[in-house]
Amino acid sequence: MTDSDFNAMSSEAFVARYASVVEHSPWVVERAAARRPFADLAEGIVAVLADATPEERLSVIRSHPELAGRAAIAGTLTEESRSEQASAGLDRMTPQEFERFHALNAAYGERFGFPFVICVRRTDRAGILRAMAERLGNDREAEVETALAEIGHIVRLRLETLA
């Protein structure tokens, strides 16, 4: 889709088309619709996150499911998250990998108060596990910023998938 296409859409059509690019947070896309025109769709959406309140940014981070977590087990992931997690092989883990993911998810959630967020389409299971262990050493502020940067990557790749 060209710049003029997404900039020319009605707000309703824009939100309907792009609401799923930010996990369970259509308000981000609604705000982006009101800010048009912009040259780059992903940058426009990510700018909304940058300008959001700290509480709103945390709500977006918290809207992401744990990797290989309860939602994956229950089959309640969004189609986008299911596909992304499968692309990294999170639906085909060994019992040992599964246990390691759950232990790291629990430690991460306890330390930071939100789920670990990474753009899984840019890595693999081993890379995710390494990043989870490494990022446990971050302070909370750094981890919020890292999670938001990862959400930016997710948004960009989800937009490319829609194109």
N, C-alpha and C. Protein backbone atom coordinates (compact mmCIF):
# COMPACT_ATOMS: atom_id res chain seq x y z
N MET A 1 0.86 -1.18 0.00
CA MET A 1 0.00 0.00 0.00
C MET A 1 0.90 1.23 0.00
N THR A 2 0.57 2.20 -0.80
CA THR A 2 1.38 3.41 -0.87
C THR A 2 0.98 4.37 0.23
N ASP A 3 1.85 5.37 0.45
CA ASP A 3 1.57 6.38 1.45
C ASP A 3 0.22 7.05 1.21
N SER A 4 -0.03 7.37 -0.03
CA SER A 4 -1.27 8.07 -0.32
C SER A 4 -2.48 7.19 -0.05
N ASP A 5 -2.34 5.88 -0.22
CA ASP A 5 -3.46 4.98 0.06
C ASP A 5 -3.85 4.99 1.53
N PHE A 6 -2.91 4.76 2.43
CA PHE A 6 -3.29 4.72 3.85
C PHE A 6 -3.61 6.10 4.38
N ASN A 7 -3.02 7.13 3.79
CA ASN A 7 -3.33 8.49 4.23
C ASN A 7 -4.70 8.94 3.73
N ALA A 8 -5.17 8.35 2.64
CA ALA A 8 -6.45 8.75 2.05
C ALA A 8 -7.64 7.95 2.60
N MET A 9 -7.37 6.87 3.32
CA MET A 9 -8.46 6.03 3.84
C MET A 9 -9.28 6.81 4.87
N SER A 10 -10.54 6.46 4.97
CA SER A 10 -11.34 7.02 6.06
C SER A 10 -10.77 6.50 7.37
N SER A 11 -11.04 7.20 8.45
CA SER A 11 -10.55 6.75 9.76
C SER A 11 -11.08 5.36 10.08
N GLU A 12 -12.34 5.12 9.76
CA GLU A 12 -12.95 3.82 10.05
C GLU A 12 -12.26 2.70 9.26
N ALA A 13 -12.00 2.94 8.00
CA ALA A 13 -11.33 1.94 7.17
C ALA A 13 -9.89 1.72 7.64
N PHE A 14 -9.21 2.78 8.01
CA PHE A 14 -7.84 2.71 8.50
C PHE A 14 -7.78 1.85 9.76
N VAL A 15 -8.65 2.12 10.72
CA VAL A 15 -8.66 1.36 11.97
C VAL A 15 -9.04 -0.10 11.69
N ALA A 16 -10.01 -0.32 10.85
CA ALA A 16 -10.43 -1.70 10.54
C ALA A 16 -9.27 -2.48 9.93
N ARG A 17 -8.52 -1.84 9.06
CA ARG A 17 -7.42 -2.53 8.37
C ARG A 17 -6.22 -2.77 9.29
N TYR A 18 -5.89 -1.83 10.15
CA TYR A 18 -4.62 -1.88 10.89
C TYR A 18 -4.74 -2.14 12.39
N ALA A 19 -5.94 -2.28 12.92
CA ALA A 19 -6.12 -2.42 14.37
C ALA A 19 -5.33 -3.59 14.95
N SER A 20 -5.12 -4.63 14.20
CA SER A 20 -4.45 -5.82 14.74
C SER A 20 -2.93 -5.73 14.76
N VAL A 21 -2.36 -4.66 14.24
CA VAL A 21 -0.90 -4.61 14.21
C VAL A 21 -0.29 -4.32 15.57
N VAL A 22 -1.08 -3.78 16.50
CA VAL A 22 -0.63 -3.57 17.87
C VAL A 22 -1.51 -4.46 18.75
N GLU A 23 -0.89 -5.46 19.34
CA GLU A 23 -1.60 -6.51 20.07
C GLU A 23 -2.66 -5.97 21.03
N HIS A 24 -3.91 -6.30 20.80
CA HIS A 24 -5.04 -5.95 21.68
C HIS A 24 -5.05 -4.47 22.07
N SER A 25 -4.61 -3.59 21.19
CA SER A 25 -4.53 -2.16 21.51
C SER A 25 -4.99 -1.31 20.33
N PRO A 26 -6.24 -1.44 19.90
CA PRO A 26 -6.70 -0.68 18.74
C PRO A 26 -6.65 0.84 18.96
N TRP A 27 -6.62 1.28 20.21
CA TRP A 27 -6.56 2.72 20.48
C TRP A 27 -5.32 3.35 19.87
N VAL A 28 -4.24 2.58 19.76
CA VAL A 28 -3.01 3.12 19.16
C VAL A 28 -3.27 3.46 17.69
N VAL A 29 -3.92 2.57 16.99
CA VAL A 29 -4.21 2.78 15.56
C VAL A 29 -5.26 3.88 15.41
N GLU A 30 -6.21 3.95 16.32
CA GLU A 30 -7.21 5.03 16.27
C GLU A 30 -6.52 6.39 16.39
N ARG A 31 -5.57 6.50 17.30
CA ARG A 31 -4.84 7.77 17.43
C ARG A 31 -3.99 8.05 16.20
N ALA A 32 -3.38 7.01 15.65
CA ALA A 32 -2.57 7.20 14.44
C ALA A 32 -3.45 7.69 13.30
N ALA A 33 -4.66 7.18 13.18
CA ALA A 33 -5.57 7.61 12.12
C ALA A 33 -5.81 9.11 12.20
N ALA A 34 -5.92 9.63 13.41
CA ALA A 34 -6.19 11.05 13.60
C ALA A 34 -4.96 11.92 13.32
N ARG A 35 -3.79 11.33 13.30
CA ARG A 35 -2.56 12.10 13.09
C ARG A 35 -2.10 12.16 11.63
N ARG A 36 -2.75 11.43 10.78
CA ARG A 36 -2.32 11.42 9.37
C ARG A 36 -2.42 12.80 8.77
N PRO A 37 -1.64 13.11 7.76
CA PRO A 37 -0.79 12.18 6.98
C PRO A 37 0.59 12.02 7.61
N PHE A 38 1.21 10.88 7.32
CA PHE A 38 2.61 10.67 7.62
C PHE A 38 3.24 9.85 6.51
N ALA A 39 4.55 9.96 6.41
CA ALA A 39 5.27 9.32 5.29
C ALA A 39 5.41 7.82 5.46
N ASP A 40 5.55 7.36 6.70
CA ASP A 40 5.78 5.95 6.95
C ASP A 40 4.73 5.46 7.96
N LEU A 41 3.96 4.48 7.56
CA LEU A 41 2.87 3.99 8.39
C LEU A 41 3.37 3.44 9.72
N ALA A 42 4.40 2.59 9.70
CA ALA A 42 4.92 2.02 10.94
C ALA A 42 5.44 3.11 11.86
N GLU A 43 6.16 4.07 11.32
CA GLU A 43 6.68 5.15 12.15
C GLU A 43 5.55 5.98 12.74
N GLY A 44 4.48 6.18 11.99
CA GLY A 44 3.32 6.90 12.50
C GLY A 44 2.67 6.20 13.67
N ILE A 45 2.55 4.88 13.57
CA ILE A 45 1.94 4.10 14.64
C ILE A 45 2.86 4.06 15.86
N VAL A 46 4.15 3.86 15.64
CA VAL A 46 5.10 3.80 16.74
C VAL A 46 5.20 5.16 17.44
N ALA A 47 5.04 6.25 16.70
CA ALA A 47 5.07 7.59 17.31
C ALA A 47 3.93 7.76 18.31
N VAL A 48 2.80 7.15 18.04
CA VAL A 48 1.69 7.20 18.99
C VAL A 48 2.12 6.56 20.31
N LEU A 49 2.80 5.43 20.22
CA LEU A 49 3.29 4.77 21.44
C LEU A 49 4.29 5.65 22.17
N ALA A 50 5.18 6.29 21.44
CA ALA A 50 6.18 7.15 22.06
C ALA A 50 5.53 8.32 22.80
N ASP A 51 4.41 8.80 22.28
CA ASP A 51 3.72 9.94 22.88
C ASP A 51 2.69 9.54 23.94
N ALA A 52 2.46 8.26 24.09
CA ALA A 52 1.47 7.77 25.05
C ALA A 52 1.99 7.97 26.48
N THR A 53 1.07 7.93 27.42
CA THR A 53 1.47 8.05 28.82
C THR A 53 2.23 6.78 29.23
N PRO A 54 3.00 6.86 30.30
CA PRO A 54 3.67 5.65 30.77
C PRO A 54 2.71 4.50 31.04
N GLU A 55 1.55 4.82 31.59
CA GLU A 55 0.55 3.77 31.87
C GLU A 55 0.03 3.14 30.58
N GLU A 56 -0.19 3.98 29.56
CA GLU A 56 -0.66 3.45 28.28
C GLU A 56 0.40 2.57 27.63
N ARG A 57 1.66 2.99 27.70
CA ARG A 57 2.73 2.17 27.12
C ARG A 57 2.81 0.82 27.84
N LEU A 58 2.69 0.86 29.17
CA LEU A 58 2.69 -0.41 29.91
C LEU A 58 1.51 -1.28 29.53
N SER A 59 0.36 -0.66 29.27
CA SER A 59 -0.81 -1.46 28.88
C SER A 59 -0.57 -2.17 27.56
N VAL A 60 0.15 -1.53 26.64
CA VAL A 60 0.46 -2.17 25.35
C VAL A 60 1.43 -3.32 25.58
N ILE A 61 2.44 -3.10 26.40
CA ILE A 61 3.39 -4.19 26.70
C ILE A 61 2.64 -5.36 27.35
N ARG A 62 1.79 -5.05 28.31
CA ARG A 62 1.06 -6.11 29.03
C ARG A 62 0.03 -6.81 28.15
N SER A 63 -0.34 -6.21 27.04
CA SER A 63 -1.32 -6.86 26.16
C SER A 63 -0.69 -7.99 25.35
N HIS A 64 0.62 -8.08 25.36
CA HIS A 64 1.31 -9.15 24.63
C HIS A 64 1.29 -10.43 25.46
N PRO A 65 1.08 -11.56 24.81
CA PRO A 65 1.04 -12.82 25.55
C PRO A 65 2.44 -13.28 25.93
N GLU A 66 2.53 -14.08 26.98
CA GLU A 66 3.80 -14.74 27.28
C GLU A 66 4.14 -15.66 26.12
N LEU A 67 5.40 -15.74 25.81
CA LEU A 67 5.83 -16.66 24.75
C LEU A 67 5.69 -18.09 25.24
N ALA A 68 5.00 -18.90 24.45
CA ALA A 68 4.73 -20.30 24.80
C ALA A 68 4.02 -20.39 26.14
N GLY A 69 3.21 -19.40 26.45
CA GLY A 69 2.54 -19.33 27.75
C GLY A 69 1.13 -19.88 27.72
N ARG A 70 0.35 -19.46 28.71
CA ARG A 70 -1.01 -19.98 28.89
C ARG A 70 -1.89 -19.79 27.68
N ALA A 71 -1.80 -18.62 27.05
CA ALA A 71 -2.66 -18.37 25.88
C ALA A 71 -2.30 -19.32 24.74
N ALA A 72 -1.02 -19.59 24.57
CA ALA A 72 -0.61 -20.53 23.52
C ALA A 72 -1.12 -21.94 23.83
N ILE A 73 -1.01 -22.33 25.07
CA ILE A 73 -1.47 -23.66 25.49
C ILE A 73 -2.98 -23.77 25.33
N ALA A 74 -3.69 -22.71 25.69
CA ALA A 74 -5.16 -22.72 25.61
C ALA A 74 -5.68 -22.49 24.20
N GLY A 75 -4.80 -22.08 23.28
CA GLY A 75 -5.22 -21.82 21.92
C GLY A 75 -5.96 -20.51 21.76
N THR A 76 -5.67 -19.53 22.64
CA THR A 76 -6.40 -18.26 22.60
C THR A 76 -5.54 -17.09 22.12
N LEU A 77 -4.39 -17.37 21.52
CA LEU A 77 -3.57 -16.30 20.95
C LEU A 77 -4.28 -15.66 19.77
N THR A 78 -3.96 -14.40 19.51
CA THR A 78 -4.45 -13.81 18.26
C THR A 78 -3.81 -14.58 17.10
N GLU A 79 -4.40 -14.51 15.95
CA GLU A 79 -3.85 -15.21 14.79
C GLU A 79 -2.43 -14.72 14.51
N GLU A 80 -2.20 -13.42 14.68
CA GLU A 80 -0.87 -12.86 14.44
C GLU A 80 0.15 -13.46 15.41
N SER A 81 -0.17 -13.50 16.70
CA SER A 81 0.75 -14.05 17.69
C SER A 81 0.98 -15.53 17.48
N ARG A 82 -0.07 -16.26 17.16
CA ARG A 82 0.08 -17.70 16.92
C ARG A 82 1.04 -17.95 15.78
N SER A 83 0.85 -17.24 14.69
CA SER A 83 1.71 -17.40 13.51
C SER A 83 3.14 -16.99 13.82
N GLU A 84 3.31 -15.90 14.54
CA GLU A 84 4.65 -15.43 14.88
C GLU A 84 5.37 -16.41 15.79
N GLN A 85 4.68 -16.91 16.81
CA GLN A 85 5.31 -17.86 17.72
C GLN A 85 5.65 -19.16 16.98
N ALA A 86 4.79 -19.58 16.08
CA ALA A 86 5.07 -20.79 15.30
C ALA A 86 6.28 -20.58 14.40
N SER A 87 6.45 -19.37 13.86
CA SER A 87 7.59 -19.11 12.98
C SER A 87 8.91 -19.27 13.71
N ALA A 88 8.92 -19.08 15.02
CA ALA A 88 10.13 -19.26 15.82
C ALA A 88 10.21 -20.67 16.42
N GLY A 89 9.25 -21.52 16.07
CA GLY A 89 9.26 -22.90 16.55
C GLY A 89 8.77 -23.06 17.98
N LEU A 90 8.06 -22.06 18.50
CA LEU A 90 7.60 -22.16 19.88
C LEU A 90 6.46 -23.15 20.05
N ASP A 91 5.93 -23.61 18.95
CA ASP A 91 4.88 -24.64 19.02
C ASP A 91 5.47 -26.04 18.87
N ARG A 92 6.80 -26.13 18.79
CA ARG A 92 7.46 -27.41 18.60
C ARG A 92 8.66 -27.55 19.54
N MET A 93 8.48 -27.24 20.80
CA MET A 93 9.58 -27.28 21.75
C MET A 93 9.73 -28.64 22.41
N THR A 94 10.95 -28.92 22.83
CA THR A 94 11.19 -30.10 23.64
C THR A 94 10.65 -29.82 25.05
N PRO A 95 10.40 -30.85 25.83
CA PRO A 95 9.95 -30.62 27.21
C PRO A 95 10.93 -29.74 28.00
N GLN A 96 12.23 -29.90 27.76
CA GLN A 96 13.23 -29.10 28.47
C GLN A 96 13.14 -27.63 28.06
N GLU A 97 12.97 -27.37 26.77
CA GLU A 97 12.81 -25.99 26.31
C GLU A 97 11.54 -25.37 26.89
N PHE A 98 10.48 -26.15 26.87
CA PHE A 98 9.20 -25.67 27.41
C PHE A 98 9.37 -25.29 28.88
N GLU A 99 10.02 -26.12 29.68
CA GLU A 99 10.25 -25.82 31.09
C GLU A 99 11.10 -24.57 31.24
N ARG A 100 12.13 -24.44 30.41
CA ARG A 100 13.00 -23.27 30.49
C ARG A 100 12.23 -22.00 30.15
N PHE A 101 11.40 -22.04 29.11
CA PHE A 101 10.57 -20.88 28.76
C PHE A 101 9.68 -20.49 29.93
N HIS A 102 9.04 -21.46 30.54
CA HIS A 102 8.13 -21.16 31.65
C HIS A 102 8.87 -20.59 32.86
N ALA A 103 10.04 -21.12 33.15
CA ALA A 103 10.83 -20.60 34.28
C ALA A 103 11.26 -19.16 34.00
N LEU A 104 11.73 -18.90 32.78
CA LEU A 104 12.16 -17.54 32.44
C LEU A 104 10.97 -16.58 32.37
N ASN A 105 9.84 -17.03 31.82
CA ASN A 105 8.63 -16.19 31.80
C ASN A 105 8.24 -15.80 33.22
N ALA A 106 8.28 -16.76 34.15
CA ALA A 106 7.89 -16.48 35.53
C ALA A 106 8.86 -15.50 36.18
N ALA A 107 10.16 -15.72 35.99
CA ALA A 107 11.16 -14.82 36.59
C ALA A 107 11.04 -13.42 36.01
N TYR A 108 10.84 -13.35 34.71
CA TYR A 108 10.72 -12.05 34.04
C TYR A 108 9.48 -11.30 34.52
N GLY A 109 8.35 -11.99 34.54
CA GLY A 109 7.11 -11.36 34.99
C GLY A 109 7.20 -10.88 36.43
N GLU A 110 7.84 -11.68 37.28
CA GLU A 110 7.99 -11.29 38.68
C GLU A 110 8.90 -10.06 38.80
N ARG A 111 9.96 -10.02 38.02
CA ARG A 111 10.92 -8.91 38.11
C ARG A 111 10.36 -7.61 37.54
N PHE A 112 9.65 -7.70 36.40
CA PHE A 112 9.25 -6.48 35.71
C PHE A 112 7.76 -6.15 35.77
N GLY A 113 6.93 -7.13 36.04
CA GLY A 113 5.49 -6.87 36.12
C GLY A 113 4.79 -6.84 34.78
N PHE A 114 5.44 -7.34 33.76
CA PHE A 114 4.84 -7.47 32.43
C PHE A 114 5.54 -8.60 31.69
N PRO A 115 4.92 -9.10 30.61
CA PRO A 115 5.52 -10.23 29.90
C PRO A 115 6.73 -9.82 29.07
N PHE A 116 7.61 -10.76 28.86
CA PHE A 116 8.77 -10.58 27.99
C PHE A 116 8.26 -10.38 26.56
N VAL A 117 8.71 -9.32 25.91
CA VAL A 117 8.31 -9.04 24.53
C VAL A 117 9.55 -9.01 23.65
N ILE A 118 9.49 -9.78 22.59
CA ILE A 118 10.55 -9.79 21.59
C ILE A 118 9.90 -10.07 20.24
N CYS A 119 10.45 -9.51 19.21
CA CYS A 119 9.94 -9.78 17.86
C CYS A 119 10.47 -11.16 17.45
N VAL A 120 9.66 -12.18 17.66
CA VAL A 120 10.10 -13.56 17.45
C VAL A 120 10.42 -13.86 15.99
N ARG A 121 9.88 -13.09 15.08
CA ARG A 121 10.16 -13.32 13.67
C ARG A 121 11.58 -12.90 13.30
N ARG A 122 12.29 -12.26 14.21
CA ARG A 122 13.66 -11.84 13.96
C ARG A 122 14.69 -12.73 14.65
N THR A 123 14.23 -13.86 15.23
CA THR A 123 15.14 -14.74 15.96
C THR A 123 14.61 -16.16 15.93
N ASP A 124 15.15 -17.01 16.78
CA ASP A 124 14.69 -18.39 16.91
C ASP A 124 14.58 -18.74 18.39
N ARG A 125 14.22 -19.99 18.69
CA ARG A 125 14.02 -20.38 20.10
C ARG A 125 15.26 -20.11 20.94
N ALA A 126 16.41 -20.52 20.44
CA ALA A 126 17.64 -20.33 21.21
C ALA A 126 17.92 -18.85 21.44
N GLY A 127 17.70 -18.03 20.42
CA GLY A 127 17.90 -16.60 20.55
C GLY A 127 16.94 -15.97 21.54
N ILE A 128 15.71 -16.45 21.54
CA ILE A 128 14.71 -15.93 22.48
C ILE A 128 15.12 -16.28 23.91
N LEU A 129 15.51 -17.53 24.13
CA LEU A 129 15.93 -17.95 25.47
C LEU A 129 17.14 -17.14 25.94
N ARG A 130 18.11 -16.92 25.06
CA ARG A 130 19.28 -16.10 25.41
C ARG A 130 18.86 -14.69 25.80
N ALA A 131 17.98 -14.10 24.97
CA ALA A 131 17.53 -12.73 25.23
C ALA A 131 16.76 -12.65 26.54
N MET A 132 15.93 -13.64 26.82
CA MET A 132 15.17 -13.64 28.07
C MET A 132 16.12 -13.64 29.26
N ALA A 133 17.11 -14.51 29.23
CA ALA A 133 18.06 -14.61 30.33
C ALA A 133 18.88 -13.32 30.46
N GLU A 134 19.34 -12.78 29.35
CA GLU A 134 20.14 -11.55 29.38
C GLU A 134 19.33 -10.36 29.86
N ARG A 135 18.11 -10.24 29.36
CA ARG A 135 17.30 -9.07 29.70
C ARG A 135 16.81 -9.08 31.14
N LEU A 136 16.86 -10.21 31.81
CA LEU A 136 16.54 -10.25 33.23
C LEU A 136 17.49 -9.36 34.04
N GLY A 137 18.67 -9.08 33.49
CA GLY A 137 19.64 -8.22 34.16
C GLY A 137 19.40 -6.73 33.96
N ASN A 138 18.47 -6.37 33.10
CA ASN A 138 18.17 -4.96 32.85
C ASN A 138 17.43 -4.35 34.03
N ASP A 139 17.50 -3.02 34.12
CA ASP A 139 16.61 -2.35 35.07
C ASP A 139 15.26 -2.17 34.39
N ARG A 140 14.25 -1.82 35.16
CA ARG A 140 12.88 -1.77 34.63
C ARG A 140 12.74 -0.74 33.52
N GLU A 141 13.32 0.43 33.68
CA GLU A 141 13.21 1.47 32.66
C GLU A 141 13.81 1.02 31.33
N ALA A 142 14.98 0.41 31.40
CA ALA A 142 15.61 -0.10 30.18
C ALA A 142 14.76 -1.19 29.54
N GLU A 143 14.15 -2.00 30.37
CA GLU A 143 13.34 -3.10 29.82
C GLU A 143 12.05 -2.61 29.20
N VAL A 144 11.46 -1.56 29.76
CA VAL A 144 10.28 -0.96 29.13
C VAL A 144 10.66 -0.43 27.75
N GLU A 145 11.77 0.27 27.66
CA GLU A 145 12.22 0.80 26.37
C GLU A 145 12.54 -0.31 25.38
N THR A 146 13.17 -1.37 25.85
CA THR A 146 13.48 -2.51 24.97
C THR A 146 12.19 -3.16 24.48
N ALA A 147 11.24 -3.37 25.37
CA ALA A 147 9.96 -3.98 24.97
C ALA A 147 9.25 -3.11 23.94
N LEU A 148 9.26 -1.79 24.13
CA LEU A 148 8.62 -0.89 23.15
C LEU A 148 9.33 -0.92 21.82
N ALA A 149 10.65 -1.01 21.82
CA ALA A 149 11.40 -1.12 20.56
C ALA A 149 11.04 -2.43 19.85
N GLU A 150 10.91 -3.50 20.61
CA GLU A 150 10.51 -4.79 20.02
C GLU A 150 9.10 -4.71 19.45
N ILE A 151 8.21 -4.01 20.14
CA ILE A 151 6.85 -3.82 19.62
C ILE A 151 6.91 -3.05 18.31
N GLY A 152 7.80 -2.09 18.20
CA GLY A 152 7.98 -1.38 16.93
C GLY A 152 8.36 -2.33 15.81
N HIS A 153 9.26 -3.27 16.07
CA HIS A 153 9.63 -4.27 15.06
C HIS A 153 8.42 -5.14 14.69
N ILE A 154 7.66 -5.53 15.71
CA ILE A 154 6.46 -6.35 15.48
C ILE A 154 5.47 -5.60 14.59
N VAL A 155 5.24 -4.33 14.91
CA VAL A 155 4.32 -3.51 14.11
C VAL A 155 4.77 -3.47 12.66
N ARG A 156 6.05 -3.18 12.44
CA ARG A 156 6.56 -3.08 11.07
C ARG A 156 6.35 -4.40 10.31
N LEU A 157 6.69 -5.53 10.94
CA LEU A 157 6.54 -6.81 10.26
C LEU A 157 5.07 -7.18 10.04
N ARG A 158 4.20 -6.84 10.98
CA ARG A 158 2.79 -7.11 10.78
C ARG A 158 2.24 -6.26 9.63
N LEU A 159 2.70 -5.04 9.52
CA LEU A 159 2.26 -4.20 8.40
C LEU A 159 2.75 -4.77 7.08
N GLU A 160 3.97 -5.25 7.04
CA GLU A 160 4.48 -5.87 5.81
C GLU A 160 3.65 -7.09 5.43
N THR A 161 3.20 -7.84 6.41
CA THR A 161 2.37 -9.02 6.16
C THR A 161 1.02 -8.62 5.56
N LEU A 162 0.49 -7.47 6.00
CA LEU A 162 -0.79 -7.00 5.48
C LEU A 162 -0.69 -6.49 4.04
N ALA A 163 0.48 -6.01 3.66
CA ALA A 163 0.64 -5.37 2.35
C ALA A 163 0.40 -6.32 1.20
